[in-house]
């Protein structure tokens, strides 16, 4: 993410609680549309000092996050899998994805010799 963590559903801001919820949401957004394992989320939240209940606390936090999304009509975005959790995000819904798409476009322009268009894509 390229700026402060801000969540919107249908252009309405959604208040995301601080602490663990924000950390887990940020971790899921850092790997959009990909599964993030519970072990990885545990390490993000507690580094090397995870309590014995860490796995359960991650599950509870994801459940709270899902409830937050449900209240805003977006619960279908957060998926549980046997390997972890995945947050579905469209290509124009996350600045990280938009940035990656523009970088790829700039590389295509540069490879074709159009430096002006490449610079425009990066601008």
PDB file of N, CA and C in Angstrom:
ATOM      1  N   UNK A   1       0.842  -1.152   0.000  1.00  0.00           N
ATOM      2  CA  UNK A   1       0.000   0.000   0.000  1.00  0.00           C
ATOM      3  C   UNK A   1       0.898   1.229   0.000  1.00  0.00           C
ATOM      4  N   UNK A   2       0.440   2.234  -0.669  1.00  0.00           N
ATOM      5  CA  UNK A   2       1.285   3.394  -0.883  1.00  0.00           C
ATOM      6  C   UNK A   2       0.929   4.578   0.002  1.00  0.00           C
ATOM      7  N   UNK A   3      -0.007   4.415   0.873  1.00  0.00           N
ATOM      8  CA  UNK A   3      -0.408   5.502   1.749  1.00  0.00           C
ATOM      9  C   UNK A   3      -1.028   4.943   3.006  1.00  0.00           C
ATOM     10  N   UNK A   4      -1.771   5.761   3.726  1.00  0.00           N
ATOM     11  CA  UNK A   4      -2.412   5.276   4.948  1.00  0.00           C
ATOM     12  C   UNK A   4      -3.481   4.233   4.609  1.00  0.00           C
ATOM     13  N   UNK A   5      -3.707   3.326   5.534  1.00  0.00           N
ATOM     14  CA  UNK A   5      -4.716   2.288   5.340  1.00  0.00           C
ATOM     15  C   UNK A   5      -6.099   2.922   5.405  1.00  0.00           C
ATOM     16  N   UNK A   6      -6.794   2.856   4.297  1.00  0.00           N
ATOM     17  CA  UNK A   6      -8.128   3.425   4.197  1.00  0.00           C
ATOM     18  C   UNK A   6      -9.013   2.421   3.472  1.00  0.00           C
ATOM     19  N   UNK A   7     -10.133   2.087   4.077  1.00  0.00           N
ATOM     20  CA  UNK A   7     -11.058   1.127   3.481  1.00  0.00           C
ATOM     21  C   UNK A   7     -12.335   1.867   3.117  1.00  0.00           C
ATOM     22  N   UNK A   8     -12.812   1.589   1.909  1.00  0.00           N
ATOM     23  CA  UNK A   8     -14.072   2.171   1.454  1.00  0.00           C
ATOM     24  C   UNK A   8     -14.914   1.070   0.830  1.00  0.00           C
ATOM     25  N   UNK A   9     -16.197   1.120   1.083  1.00  0.00           N
ATOM     26  CA  UNK A   9     -17.154   0.237   0.435  1.00  0.00           C
ATOM     27  C   UNK A   9     -18.185   1.136  -0.222  1.00  0.00           C
ATOM     28  N   UNK A  10     -18.295   1.020  -1.532  1.00  0.00           N
ATOM     29  CA  UNK A  10     -19.186   1.896  -2.311  1.00  0.00           C
ATOM     30  C   UNK A  10     -18.919   3.362  -1.986  1.00  0.00           C
ATOM     31  N   UNK A  11     -17.651   3.721  -1.940  1.00  0.00           N
ATOM     32  CA  UNK A  11     -17.164   5.086  -1.713  1.00  0.00           C
ATOM     33  C   UNK A  11     -17.399   5.585  -0.289  1.00  0.00           C
ATOM     34  N   UNK A  12     -17.962   4.744   0.567  1.00  0.00           N
ATOM     35  CA  UNK A  12     -18.163   5.129   1.971  1.00  0.00           C
ATOM     36  C   UNK A  12     -16.978   4.640   2.803  1.00  0.00           C
ATOM     37  N   UNK A  13     -16.415   5.500   3.640  1.00  0.00           N
ATOM     38  CA  UNK A  13     -15.302   5.054   4.485  1.00  0.00           C
ATOM     39  C   UNK A  13     -15.766   4.040   5.520  1.00  0.00           C
ATOM     40  N   UNK A  14     -14.924   3.069   5.773  1.00  0.00           N
ATOM     41  CA  UNK A  14     -15.184   2.043   6.781  1.00  0.00           C
ATOM     42  C   UNK A  14     -14.115   2.193   7.853  1.00  0.00           C
ATOM     43  N   UNK A  15     -14.544   2.371   9.082  1.00  0.00           N
ATOM     44  CA  UNK A  15     -13.605   2.514  10.192  1.00  0.00           C
ATOM     45  C   UNK A  15     -13.101   1.128  10.586  1.00  0.00           C
ATOM     46  N   UNK A  16     -11.797   0.951  10.484  1.00  0.00           N
ATOM     47  CA  UNK A  16     -11.174  -0.318  10.851  1.00  0.00           C
ATOM     48  C   UNK A  16     -10.488  -0.123  12.197  1.00  0.00           C
ATOM     49  N   UNK A  17     -10.835  -0.963  13.187  1.00  0.00           N
ATOM     50  CA  UNK A  17     -10.194  -0.824  14.493  1.00  0.00           C
ATOM     51  C   UNK A  17      -8.680  -0.969  14.386  1.00  0.00           C
ATOM     52  N   UNK A  18      -7.986  -0.345  15.302  1.00  0.00           N
ATOM     53  CA  UNK A  18      -6.529  -0.417  15.303  1.00  0.00           C
ATOM     54  C   UNK A  18      -6.020  -1.758  15.806  1.00  0.00           C
ATOM     55  N   UNK A  19      -4.749  -1.811  16.010  1.00  0.00           N
ATOM     56  CA  UNK A  19      -4.135  -2.998  16.579  1.00  0.00           C
ATOM     57  C   UNK A  19      -4.118  -4.179  15.628  1.00  0.00           C
ATOM     58  N   UNK A  20      -4.438  -5.337  16.175  1.00  0.00           N
ATOM     59  CA  UNK A  20      -4.358  -6.594  15.447  1.00  0.00           C
ATOM     60  C   UNK A  20      -5.206  -6.594  14.175  1.00  0.00           C
ATOM     61  N   UNK A  21      -6.382  -6.012  14.236  1.00  0.00           N
ATOM     62  CA  UNK A  21      -7.268  -6.010  13.064  1.00  0.00           C
ATOM     63  C   UNK A  21      -6.616  -5.276  11.901  1.00  0.00           C
ATOM     64  N   UNK A  22      -6.036  -4.129  12.170  1.00  0.00           N
ATOM     65  CA  UNK A  22      -5.367  -3.358  11.115  1.00  0.00           C
ATOM     66  C   UNK A  22      -4.148  -4.102  10.585  1.00  0.00           C
ATOM     67  N   UNK A  23      -3.380  -4.727  11.469  1.00  0.00           N
ATOM     68  CA  UNK A  23      -2.205  -5.481  11.036  1.00  0.00           C
ATOM     69  C   UNK A  23      -2.592  -6.626  10.109  1.00  0.00           C
ATOM     70  N   UNK A  24      -3.613  -7.357  10.487  1.00  0.00           N
ATOM     71  CA  UNK A  24      -4.036  -8.496   9.670  1.00  0.00           C
ATOM     72  C   UNK A  24      -4.613  -8.015   8.357  1.00  0.00           C
ATOM     73  N   UNK A  25      -5.418  -6.972   8.390  1.00  0.00           N
ATOM     74  CA  UNK A  25      -5.954  -6.424   7.149  1.00  0.00           C
ATOM     75  C   UNK A  25      -4.824  -5.956   6.237  1.00  0.00           C
ATOM     76  N   UNK A  26      -3.860  -5.258   6.786  1.00  0.00           N
ATOM     77  CA  UNK A  26      -2.727  -4.782   5.977  1.00  0.00           C
ATOM     78  C   UNK A  26      -1.950  -5.955   5.393  1.00  0.00           C
ATOM     79  N   UNK A  27      -1.772  -7.013   6.172  1.00  0.00           N
ATOM     80  CA  UNK A  27      -1.057  -8.202   5.667  1.00  0.00           C
ATOM     81  C   UNK A  27      -1.815  -8.845   4.517  1.00  0.00           C
ATOM     82  N   UNK A  28      -3.129  -8.911   4.625  1.00  0.00           N
ATOM     83  CA  UNK A  28      -3.940  -9.484   3.542  1.00  0.00           C
ATOM     84  C   UNK A  28      -3.907  -8.593   2.302  1.00  0.00           C
ATOM     85  N   UNK A  29      -3.914  -7.290   2.504  1.00  0.00           N
ATOM     86  CA  UNK A  29      -3.857  -6.365   1.378  1.00  0.00           C
ATOM     87  C   UNK A  29      -2.482  -6.338   0.720  1.00  0.00           C
ATOM     88  N   UNK A  30      -1.450  -6.643   1.486  1.00  0.00           N
ATOM     89  CA  UNK A  30      -0.107  -6.681   0.918  1.00  0.00           C
ATOM     90  C   UNK A  30       0.057  -7.858  -0.047  1.00  0.00           C
ATOM     91  N   UNK A  31      -0.808  -8.847   0.083  1.00  0.00           N
ATOM     92  CA  UNK A  31      -0.811 -10.008  -0.817  1.00  0.00           C
ATOM     93  C   UNK A  31      -2.226 -10.194  -1.355  1.00  0.00           C
ATOM     94  N   UNK A  32      -2.709  -9.214  -2.111  1.00  0.00           N
ATOM     95  CA  UNK A  32      -4.104  -9.259  -2.557  1.00  0.00           C
ATOM     96  C   UNK A  32      -4.379 -10.482  -3.420  1.00  0.00           C
ATOM     97  N   UNK A  33      -5.553 -11.058  -3.192  1.00  0.00           N
ATOM     98  CA  UNK A  33      -6.050 -12.194  -3.978  1.00  0.00           C
ATOM     99  C   UNK A  33      -5.179 -13.437  -3.822  1.00  0.00           C
ATOM    100  N   UNK A  34      -4.357 -13.460  -2.786  1.00  0.00           N
ATOM    101  CA  UNK A  34      -3.520 -14.633  -2.507  1.00  0.00           C
ATOM    102  C   UNK A  34      -3.750 -15.072  -1.068  1.00  0.00           C
ATOM    103  N   UNK A  35      -3.557 -16.336  -0.826  1.00  0.00           N
ATOM    104  CA  UNK A  35      -3.737 -16.871   0.522  1.00  0.00           C
ATOM    105  C   UNK A  35      -2.548 -16.476   1.393  1.00  0.00           C
ATOM    106  N   UNK A  36      -2.874 -15.984   2.576  1.00  0.00           N
ATOM    107  CA  UNK A  36      -1.870 -15.673   3.584  1.00  0.00           C
ATOM    108  C   UNK A  36      -2.110 -16.640   4.742  1.00  0.00           C
ATOM    109  N   UNK A  37      -1.087 -17.417   5.063  1.00  0.00           N
ATOM    110  CA  UNK A  37      -1.216 -18.433   6.097  1.00  0.00           C
ATOM    111  C   UNK A  37      -1.333 -17.867   7.500  1.00  0.00           C
ATOM    112  N   UNK A  38      -1.925 -18.663   8.372  1.00  0.00           N
ATOM    113  CA  UNK A  38      -2.080 -18.260   9.770  1.00  0.00           C
ATOM    114  C   UNK A  38      -0.705 -18.063  10.414  1.00  0.00           C
ATOM    115  N   UNK A  39       0.250 -18.910  10.077  1.00  0.00           N
ATOM    116  CA  UNK A  39       1.596 -18.750  10.645  1.00  0.00           C
ATOM    117  C   UNK A  39       2.207 -17.408  10.247  1.00  0.00           C
ATOM    118  N   UNK A  40       2.015 -17.022   9.006  1.00  0.00           N
ATOM    119  CA  UNK A  40       2.545 -15.729   8.550  1.00  0.00           C
ATOM    120  C   UNK A  40       1.853 -14.573   9.265  1.00  0.00           C
ATOM    121  N   UNK A  41       0.544 -14.672   9.414  1.00  0.00           N
ATOM    122  CA  UNK A  41      -0.195 -13.622  10.124  1.00  0.00           C
ATOM    123  C   UNK A  41       0.241 -13.559  11.588  1.00  0.00           C
ATOM    124  N   UNK A  42       0.473 -14.719  12.181  1.00  0.00           N
ATOM    125  CA  UNK A  42       0.934 -14.765  13.570  1.00  0.00           C
ATOM    126  C   UNK A  42       2.275 -14.060  13.717  1.00  0.00           C
ATOM    127  N   UNK A  43       3.178 -14.313  12.795  1.00  0.00           N
ATOM    128  CA  UNK A  43       4.490 -13.662  12.858  1.00  0.00           C
ATOM    129  C   UNK A  43       4.374 -12.152  12.667  1.00  0.00           C
ATOM    130  N   UNK A  44       3.489 -11.730  11.782  1.00  0.00           N
ATOM    131  CA  UNK A  44       3.294 -10.291  11.554  1.00  0.00           C
ATOM    132  C   UNK A  44       2.782  -9.607  12.811  1.00  0.00           C
ATOM    133  N   UNK A  45       1.870 -10.262  13.505  1.00  0.00           N
ATOM    134  CA  UNK A  45       1.265  -9.647  14.686  1.00  0.00           C
ATOM    135  C   UNK A  45       2.195  -9.687  15.898  1.00  0.00           C
ATOM    136  N   UNK A  46       2.880 -10.812  16.102  1.00  0.00           N
ATOM    137  CA  UNK A  46       3.655 -10.969  17.341  1.00  0.00           C
ATOM    138  C   UNK A  46       5.159 -11.114  17.140  1.00  0.00           C
ATOM    139  N   UNK A  47       5.662 -11.034  15.940  1.00  0.00           N
ATOM    140  CA  UNK A  47       7.075 -11.306  15.675  1.00  0.00           C
ATOM    141  C   UNK A  47       7.413 -12.705  16.198  1.00  0.00           C
ATOM    142  N   UNK A  48       8.411 -12.793  17.041  1.00  0.00           N
ATOM    143  CA  UNK A  48       8.816 -14.099  17.567  1.00  0.00           C
ATOM    144  C   UNK A  48       8.264 -14.368  18.959  1.00  0.00           C
ATOM    145  N   UNK A  49       7.333 -13.573  19.400  1.00  0.00           N
ATOM    146  CA  UNK A  49       6.818 -13.702  20.763  1.00  0.00           C
ATOM    147  C   UNK A  49       5.337 -14.060  20.783  1.00  0.00           C
ATOM    148  N   UNK A  50       4.914 -14.942  19.901  1.00  0.00           N
ATOM    149  CA  UNK A  50       3.496 -15.309  19.827  1.00  0.00           C
ATOM    150  C   UNK A  50       3.080 -16.095  21.068  1.00  0.00           C
ATOM    151  N   UNK A  51       1.926 -15.749  21.617  1.00  0.00           N
ATOM    152  CA  UNK A  51       1.436 -16.509  22.771  1.00  0.00           C
ATOM    153  C   UNK A  51       0.890 -17.863  22.311  1.00  0.00           C
ATOM    154  N   UNK A  52       0.680 -18.781  23.223  1.00  0.00           N
ATOM    155  CA  UNK A  52       0.131 -20.090  22.854  1.00  0.00           C
ATOM    156  C   UNK A  52      -1.234 -19.996  22.174  1.00  0.00           C
ATOM    157  N   UNK A  53      -1.950 -18.923  22.427  1.00  0.00           N
ATOM    158  CA  UNK A  53      -3.294 -18.745  21.853  1.00  0.00           C
ATOM    159  C   UNK A  53      -3.278 -17.952  20.545  1.00  0.00           C
ATOM    160  N   UNK A  54      -2.110 -17.740  19.969  1.00  0.00           N
ATOM    161  CA  UNK A  54      -1.985 -16.876  18.793  1.00  0.00           C
ATOM    162  C   UNK A  54      -2.873 -17.329  17.646  1.00  0.00           C
ATOM    163  N   UNK A  55      -2.871 -18.618  17.342  1.00  0.00           N
ATOM    164  CA  UNK A  55      -3.670 -19.128  16.224  1.00  0.00           C
ATOM    165  C   UNK A  55      -5.150 -18.782  16.425  1.00  0.00           C
ATOM    166  N   UNK A  56      -5.639 -19.004  17.633  1.00  0.00           N
ATOM    167  CA  UNK A  56      -7.040 -18.711  17.942  1.00  0.00           C
ATOM    168  C   UNK A  56      -7.296 -17.207  17.863  1.00  0.00           C
ATOM    169  N   UNK A  57      -6.361 -16.398  18.336  1.00  0.00           N
ATOM    170  CA  UNK A  57      -6.529 -14.954  18.278  1.00  0.00           C
ATOM    171  C   UNK A  57      -6.560 -14.449  16.837  1.00  0.00           C
ATOM    172  N   UNK A  58      -5.734 -15.029  15.966  1.00  0.00           N
ATOM    173  CA  UNK A  58      -5.780 -14.666  14.544  1.00  0.00           C
ATOM    174  C   UNK A  58      -7.142 -15.036  13.978  1.00  0.00           C
ATOM    175  N   UNK A  59      -7.631 -16.228  14.283  1.00  0.00           N
ATOM    176  CA  UNK A  59      -8.943 -16.652  13.789  1.00  0.00           C
ATOM    177  C   UNK A  59     -10.042 -15.716  14.286  1.00  0.00           C
ATOM    178  N   UNK A  60      -9.971 -15.337  15.547  1.00  0.00           N
ATOM    179  CA  UNK A  60     -10.973 -14.415  16.102  1.00  0.00           C
ATOM    180  C   UNK A  60     -10.902 -13.046  15.432  1.00  0.00           C
ATOM    181  N   UNK A  61      -9.700 -12.576  15.189  1.00  0.00           N
ATOM    182  CA  UNK A  61      -9.535 -11.271  14.544  1.00  0.00           C
ATOM    183  C   UNK A  61     -10.062 -11.305  13.119  1.00  0.00           C
ATOM    184  N   UNK A  62      -9.789 -12.376  12.395  1.00  0.00           N
ATOM    185  CA  UNK A  62     -10.319 -12.507  11.035  1.00  0.00           C
ATOM    186  C   UNK A  62     -11.839 -12.560  11.082  1.00  0.00           C
ATOM    187  N   UNK A  63     -12.381 -13.233  12.069  1.00  0.00           N
ATOM    188  CA  UNK A  63     -13.834 -13.276  12.224  1.00  0.00           C
ATOM    189  C   UNK A  63     -14.394 -11.871  12.469  1.00  0.00           C
ATOM    190  N   UNK A  64     -13.724 -11.092  13.295  1.00  0.00           N
ATOM    191  CA  UNK A  64     -14.154  -9.706  13.535  1.00  0.00           C
ATOM    192  C   UNK A  64     -14.053  -8.875  12.257  1.00  0.00           C
ATOM    193  N   UNK A  65     -12.990  -9.088  11.512  1.00  0.00           N
ATOM    194  CA  UNK A  65     -12.818  -8.373  10.245  1.00  0.00           C
ATOM    195  C   UNK A  65     -13.926  -8.755   9.272  1.00  0.00           C
ATOM    196  N   UNK A  66     -14.255 -10.037   9.229  1.00  0.00           N
ATOM    197  CA  UNK A  66     -15.344 -10.494   8.361  1.00  0.00           C
ATOM    198  C   UNK A  66     -16.663  -9.852   8.789  1.00  0.00           C
ATOM    199  N   UNK A  67     -16.899  -9.752  10.103  1.00  0.00           N
ATOM    200  CA  UNK A  67     -18.110  -9.099  10.605  1.00  0.00           C
ATOM    201  C   UNK A  67     -18.170  -7.638  10.196  1.00  0.00           C
ATOM    202  N   UNK A  68     -17.033  -6.959  10.262  1.00  0.00           N
ATOM    203  CA  UNK A  68     -16.955  -5.564   9.832  1.00  0.00           C
ATOM    204  C   UNK A  68     -17.316  -5.446   8.356  1.00  0.00           C
ATOM    205  N   UNK A  69     -16.743  -6.319   7.542  1.00  0.00           N
ATOM    206  CA  UNK A  69     -17.049  -6.299   6.108  1.00  0.00           C
ATOM    207  C   UNK A  69     -18.513  -6.656   5.862  1.00  0.00           C
ATOM    208  N   UNK A  70     -19.047  -7.589   6.630  1.00  0.00           N
ATOM    209  CA  UNK A  70     -20.459  -7.981   6.497  1.00  0.00           C
ATOM    210  C   UNK A  70     -21.376  -6.789   6.742  1.00  0.00           C
ATOM    211  N   UNK A  71     -21.075  -6.010   7.772  1.00  0.00           N
ATOM    212  CA  UNK A  71     -21.905  -4.834   8.084  1.00  0.00           C
ATOM    213  C   UNK A  71     -21.914  -3.819   6.948  1.00  0.00           C
ATOM    214  N   UNK A  72     -20.907  -3.891   6.085  1.00  0.00           N
ATOM    215  CA  UNK A  72     -20.804  -2.955   4.966  1.00  0.00           C
ATOM    216  C   UNK A  72     -21.050  -3.643   3.624  1.00  0.00           C
ATOM    217  N   UNK A  73     -21.615  -4.844   3.677  1.00  0.00           N
ATOM    218  CA  UNK A  73     -21.987  -5.548   2.453  1.00  0.00           C
ATOM    219  C   UNK A  73     -20.826  -6.096   1.654  1.00  0.00           C
ATOM    220  N   UNK A  74     -19.698  -6.355   2.306  1.00  0.00           N
ATOM    221  CA  UNK A  74     -18.520  -6.821   1.570  1.00  0.00           C
ATOM    222  C   UNK A  74     -17.900  -8.083   2.185  1.00  0.00           C
ATOM    223  N   UNK A  75     -18.679  -8.849   2.930  1.00  0.00           N
ATOM    224  CA  UNK A  75     -18.143 -10.044   3.595  1.00  0.00           C
ATOM    225  C   UNK A  75     -17.652 -11.078   2.601  1.00  0.00           C
ATOM    226  N   UNK A  76     -18.171 -11.041   1.371  1.00  0.00           N
ATOM    227  CA  UNK A  76     -17.763 -12.022   0.366  1.00  0.00           C
ATOM    228  C   UNK A  76     -16.331 -11.798  -0.116  1.00  0.00           C
ATOM    229  N   UNK A  77     -15.669 -10.756   0.363  1.00  0.00           N
ATOM    230  CA  UNK A  77     -14.296 -10.453  -0.042  1.00  0.00           C
ATOM    231  C   UNK A  77     -13.264 -11.266   0.739  1.00  0.00           C
ATOM    232  N   UNK A  78     -13.619 -11.707   1.941  1.00  0.00           N
ATOM    233  CA  UNK A  78     -12.678 -12.395   2.824  1.00  0.00           C
ATOM    234  C   UNK A  78     -12.993 -13.885   2.826  1.00  0.00           C
ATOM    235  N   UNK A  79     -12.035 -14.670   2.369  1.00  0.00           N
ATOM    236  CA  UNK A  79     -12.240 -16.111   2.189  1.00  0.00           C
ATOM    237  C   UNK A  79     -11.327 -16.895   3.117  1.00  0.00           C
ATOM    238  N   UNK A  80     -11.883 -17.935   3.728  1.00  0.00           N
ATOM    239  CA  UNK A  80     -11.093 -18.870   4.524  1.00  0.00           C
ATOM    240  C   UNK A  80     -10.764 -20.064   3.651  1.00  0.00           C
ATOM    241  N   UNK A  81      -9.538 -20.522   3.747  1.00  0.00           N
ATOM    242  CA  UNK A  81      -9.113 -21.720   3.042  1.00  0.00           C
ATOM    243  C   UNK A  81      -8.391 -22.604   4.053  1.00  0.00           C
ATOM    244  N   UNK A  82      -8.166 -23.861   3.726  1.00  0.00           N
ATOM    245  CA  UNK A  82      -7.410 -24.699   4.656  1.00  0.00           C
ATOM    246  C   UNK A  82      -6.003 -24.149   4.934  1.00  0.00           C
ATOM    247  N   UNK A  83      -5.447 -23.399   3.980  1.00  0.00           N
ATOM    248  CA  UNK A  83      -4.089 -22.874   4.134  1.00  0.00           C
ATOM    249  C   UNK A  83      -4.039 -21.500   4.810  1.00  0.00           C
ATOM    250  N   UNK A  84      -5.154 -20.801   4.930  1.00  0.00           N
ATOM    251  CA  UNK A  84      -5.148 -19.462   5.518  1.00  0.00           C
ATOM    252  C   UNK A  84      -6.323 -18.637   5.051  1.00  0.00           C
ATOM    253  N   UNK A  85      -6.064 -17.366   4.766  1.00  0.00           N
ATOM    254  CA  UNK A  85      -7.112 -16.419   4.391  1.00  0.00           C
ATOM    255  C   UNK A  85      -6.706 -15.651   3.145  1.00  0.00           C
ATOM    256  N   UNK A  86      -7.728 -15.286   2.363  1.00  0.00           N
ATOM    257  CA  UNK A  86      -7.492 -14.529   1.132  1.00  0.00           C
ATOM    258  C   UNK A  86      -8.503 -13.401   1.079  1.00  0.00           C
ATOM    259  N   UNK A  87      -8.021 -12.198   0.750  1.00  0.00           N
ATOM    260  CA  UNK A  87      -8.888 -11.035   0.582  1.00  0.00           C
ATOM    261  C   UNK A  87      -8.963 -10.719  -0.898  1.00  0.00           C
ATOM    262  N   UNK A  88     -10.152 -10.799  -1.469  1.00  0.00           N
ATOM    263  CA  UNK A  88     -10.353 -10.530  -2.896  1.00  0.00           C
ATOM    264  C   UNK A  88     -10.447  -9.026  -3.124  1.00  0.00           C
ATOM    265  N   UNK A  89      -9.602  -8.553  -4.035  1.00  0.00           N
ATOM    266  CA  UNK A  89      -9.539  -7.124  -4.339  1.00  0.00           C
ATOM    267  C   UNK A  89      -9.442  -6.971  -5.853  1.00  0.00           C
ATOM    268  N   UNK A  90     -10.236  -6.065  -6.419  1.00  0.00           N
ATOM    269  CA  UNK A  90     -10.191  -5.800  -7.854  1.00  0.00           C
ATOM    270  C   UNK A  90      -8.975  -4.968  -8.227  1.00  0.00           C
ATOM    271  N   UNK A  91      -8.593  -4.985  -9.502  1.00  0.00           N
ATOM    272  CA  UNK A  91      -7.375  -4.297  -9.941  1.00  0.00           C
ATOM    273  C   UNK A  91      -7.388  -2.786  -9.724  1.00  0.00           C
ATOM    274  N   UNK A  92      -8.538  -2.174  -9.668  1.00  0.00           N
ATOM    275  CA  UNK A  92      -8.610  -0.726  -9.455  1.00  0.00           C
ATOM    276  C   UNK A  92      -9.056  -0.368  -8.039  1.00  0.00           C
ATOM    277  N   UNK A  93      -9.043  -1.359  -7.143  1.00  0.00           N
ATOM    278  CA  UNK A  93      -9.513  -1.110  -5.783  1.00  0.00           C
ATOM    279  C   UNK A  93      -8.388  -0.959  -4.761  1.00  0.00           C
ATOM    280  N   UNK A  94      -7.172  -1.216  -5.183  1.00  0.00           N
ATOM    281  CA  UNK A  94      -6.039  -1.154  -4.260  1.00  0.00           C
ATOM    282  C   UNK A  94      -4.889  -0.452  -4.954  1.00  0.00           C
ATOM    283  N   UNK A  95      -4.348   0.560  -4.321  1.00  0.00           N
ATOM    284  CA  UNK A  95      -3.281   1.324  -4.967  1.00  0.00           C
ATOM    285  C   UNK A  95      -2.082   0.452  -5.312  1.00  0.00           C
ATOM    286  N   UNK A  96      -1.815  -0.563  -4.530  1.00  0.00           N
ATOM    287  CA  UNK A  96      -0.711  -1.467  -4.826  1.00  0.00           C
ATOM    288  C   UNK A  96      -0.916  -2.169  -6.173  1.00  0.00           C
ATOM    289  N   UNK A  97      -2.132  -2.646  -6.413  1.00  0.00           N
ATOM    290  CA  UNK A  97      -2.422  -3.314  -7.690  1.00  0.00           C
ATOM    291  C   UNK A  97      -2.377  -2.329  -8.851  1.00  0.00           C
ATOM    292  N   UNK A  98      -2.887  -1.147  -8.630  1.00  0.00           N
ATOM    293  CA  UNK A  98      -2.858  -0.124  -9.683  1.00  0.00           C
ATOM    294  C   UNK A  98      -1.414   0.249 -10.011  1.00  0.00           C
ATOM    295  N   UNK A  99      -0.587   0.384  -8.994  1.00  0.00           N
ATOM    296  CA  UNK A  99       0.829   0.695  -9.187  1.00  0.00           C
ATOM    297  C   UNK A  99       1.521  -0.410  -9.999  1.00  0.00           C
ATOM    298  N   UNK A 100       1.264  -1.665  -9.648  1.00  0.00           N
ATOM    299  CA  UNK A 100       1.870  -2.778 -10.380  1.00  0.00           C
ATOM    300  C   UNK A 100       1.422  -2.787 -11.840  1.00  0.00           C
ATOM    301  N   UNK A 101       0.152  -2.503 -12.079  1.00  0.00           N
ATOM    302  CA  UNK A 101      -0.363  -2.478 -13.454  1.00  0.00           C
ATOM    303  C   UNK A 101       0.293  -1.354 -14.259  1.00  0.00           C
ATOM    304  N   UNK A 102       0.450  -0.191 -13.663  1.00  0.00           N
ATOM    305  CA  UNK A 102       1.080   0.934 -14.362  1.00  0.00           C
ATOM    306  C   UNK A 102       2.565   0.673 -14.623  1.00  0.00           C
ATOM    307  N   UNK A 103       3.235   0.023 -13.693  1.00  0.00           N
ATOM    308  CA  UNK A 103       4.644  -0.342 -13.918  1.00  0.00           C
ATOM    309  C   UNK A 103       4.767  -1.319 -15.087  1.00  0.00           C
ATOM    310  N   UNK A 104       3.861  -2.294 -15.139  1.00  0.00           N
ATOM    311  CA  UNK A 104       3.889  -3.259 -16.245  1.00  0.00           C
ATOM    312  C   UNK A 104       3.610  -2.553 -17.569  1.00  0.00           C
ATOM    313  N   UNK A 105       2.670  -1.627 -17.554  1.00  0.00           N
ATOM    314  CA  UNK A 105       2.370  -0.860 -18.764  1.00  0.00           C
ATOM    315  C   UNK A 105       3.588  -0.041 -19.194  1.00  0.00           C
ATOM    316  N   UNK A 106       4.250   0.589 -18.250  1.00  0.00           N
ATOM    317  CA  UNK A 106       5.447   1.381 -18.558  1.00  0.00           C
ATOM    318  C   UNK A 106       6.541   0.491 -19.153  1.00  0.00           C
ATOM    319  N   UNK A 107       6.708  -0.709 -18.620  1.00  0.00           N
ATOM    320  CA  UNK A 107       7.709  -1.628 -19.174  1.00  0.00           C
ATOM    321  C   UNK A 107       7.378  -2.011 -20.605  1.00  0.00           C
ATOM    322  N   UNK A 108       6.094  -2.228 -20.894  1.00  0.00           N
ATOM    323  CA  UNK A 108       5.683  -2.560 -22.271  1.00  0.00           C
ATOM    324  C   UNK A 108       5.987  -1.403 -23.218  1.00  0.00           C
ATOM    325  N   UNK A 109       5.657  -0.189 -22.800  1.00  0.00           N
ATOM    326  CA  UNK A 109       5.953   0.978 -23.625  1.00  0.00           C
ATOM    327  C   UNK A 109       7.457   1.121 -23.840  1.00  0.00           C
ATOM    328  N   UNK A 110       8.238   0.967 -22.775  1.00  0.00           N
ATOM    329  CA  UNK A 110       9.691   1.105 -22.881  1.00  0.00           C
ATOM    330  C   UNK A 110      10.265   0.041 -23.808  1.00  0.00           C
ATOM    331  N   UNK A 111       9.768  -1.186 -23.714  1.00  0.00           N
ATOM    332  CA  UNK A 111      10.252  -2.264 -24.584  1.00  0.00           C
ATOM    333  C   UNK A 111       9.933  -1.979 -26.043  1.00  0.00           C
ATOM    334  N   UNK A 112       8.840  -1.256 -26.275  1.00  0.00           N
ATOM    335  CA  UNK A 112       8.458  -0.901 -27.643  1.00  0.00           C
ATOM    336  C   UNK A 112       9.161   0.377 -28.105  1.00  0.00           C
ATOM    337  N   UNK A 113       9.979   0.966 -27.244  1.00  0.00           N
ATOM    338  CA  UNK A 113      10.721   2.164 -27.615  1.00  0.00           C
ATOM    339  C   UNK A 113       9.981   3.463 -27.399  1.00  0.00           C
ATOM    340  N   UNK A 114       8.828   3.425 -26.768  1.00  0.00           N
ATOM    341  CA  UNK A 114       8.034   4.641 -26.529  1.00  0.00           C
ATOM    342  C   UNK A 114       8.292   5.144 -25.116  1.00  0.00           C
ATOM    343  N   UNK A 115       9.384   5.876 -24.977  1.00  0.00           N
ATOM    344  CA  UNK A 115       9.783   6.354 -23.653  1.00  0.00           C
ATOM    345  C   UNK A 115       8.814   7.404 -23.089  1.00  0.00           C
ATOM    346  N   UNK A 116       8.241   8.194 -23.950  1.00  0.00           N
ATOM    347  CA  UNK A 116       7.289   9.225 -23.478  1.00  0.00           C
ATOM    348  C   UNK A 116       6.066   8.544 -22.850  1.00  0.00           C
ATOM    349  N   UNK A 117       5.518   7.532 -23.522  1.00  0.00           N
ATOM    350  CA  UNK A 117       4.360   6.821 -22.980  1.00  0.00           C
ATOM    351  C   UNK A 117       4.749   6.073 -21.695  1.00  0.00           C
ATOM    352  N   UNK A 118       5.965   5.525 -21.668  1.00  0.00           N
ATOM    353  CA  UNK A 118       6.434   4.837 -20.467  1.00  0.00           C
ATOM    354  C   UNK A 118       6.499   5.802 -19.288  1.00  0.00           C
ATOM    355  N   UNK A 119       7.056   6.980 -19.533  1.00  0.00           N
ATOM    356  CA  UNK A 119       7.140   7.994 -18.484  1.00  0.00           C
ATOM    357  C   UNK A 119       5.737   8.429 -18.054  1.00  0.00           C
ATOM    358  N   UNK A 120       4.822   8.534 -18.995  1.00  0.00           N
ATOM    359  CA  UNK A 120       3.450   8.913 -18.674  1.00  0.00           C
ATOM    360  C   UNK A 120       2.783   7.871 -17.775  1.00  0.00           C
ATOM    361  N   UNK A 121       3.010   6.604 -18.062  1.00  0.00           N
ATOM    362  CA  UNK A 121       2.431   5.538 -17.246  1.00  0.00           C
ATOM    363  C   UNK A 121       2.987   5.592 -15.826  1.00  0.00           C
ATOM    364  N   UNK A 122       4.264   5.916 -15.710  1.00  0.00           N
ATOM    365  CA  UNK A 122       4.869   5.989 -14.377  1.00  0.00           C
ATOM    366  C   UNK A 122       4.487   7.275 -13.644  1.00  0.00           C
ATOM    367  N   UNK A 123       4.120   8.293 -14.388  1.00  0.00           N
ATOM    368  CA  UNK A 123       3.763   9.573 -13.767  1.00  0.00           C
ATOM    369  C   UNK A 123       2.486   9.492 -13.010  1.00  0.00           C
TER     370      UNK A 123
END
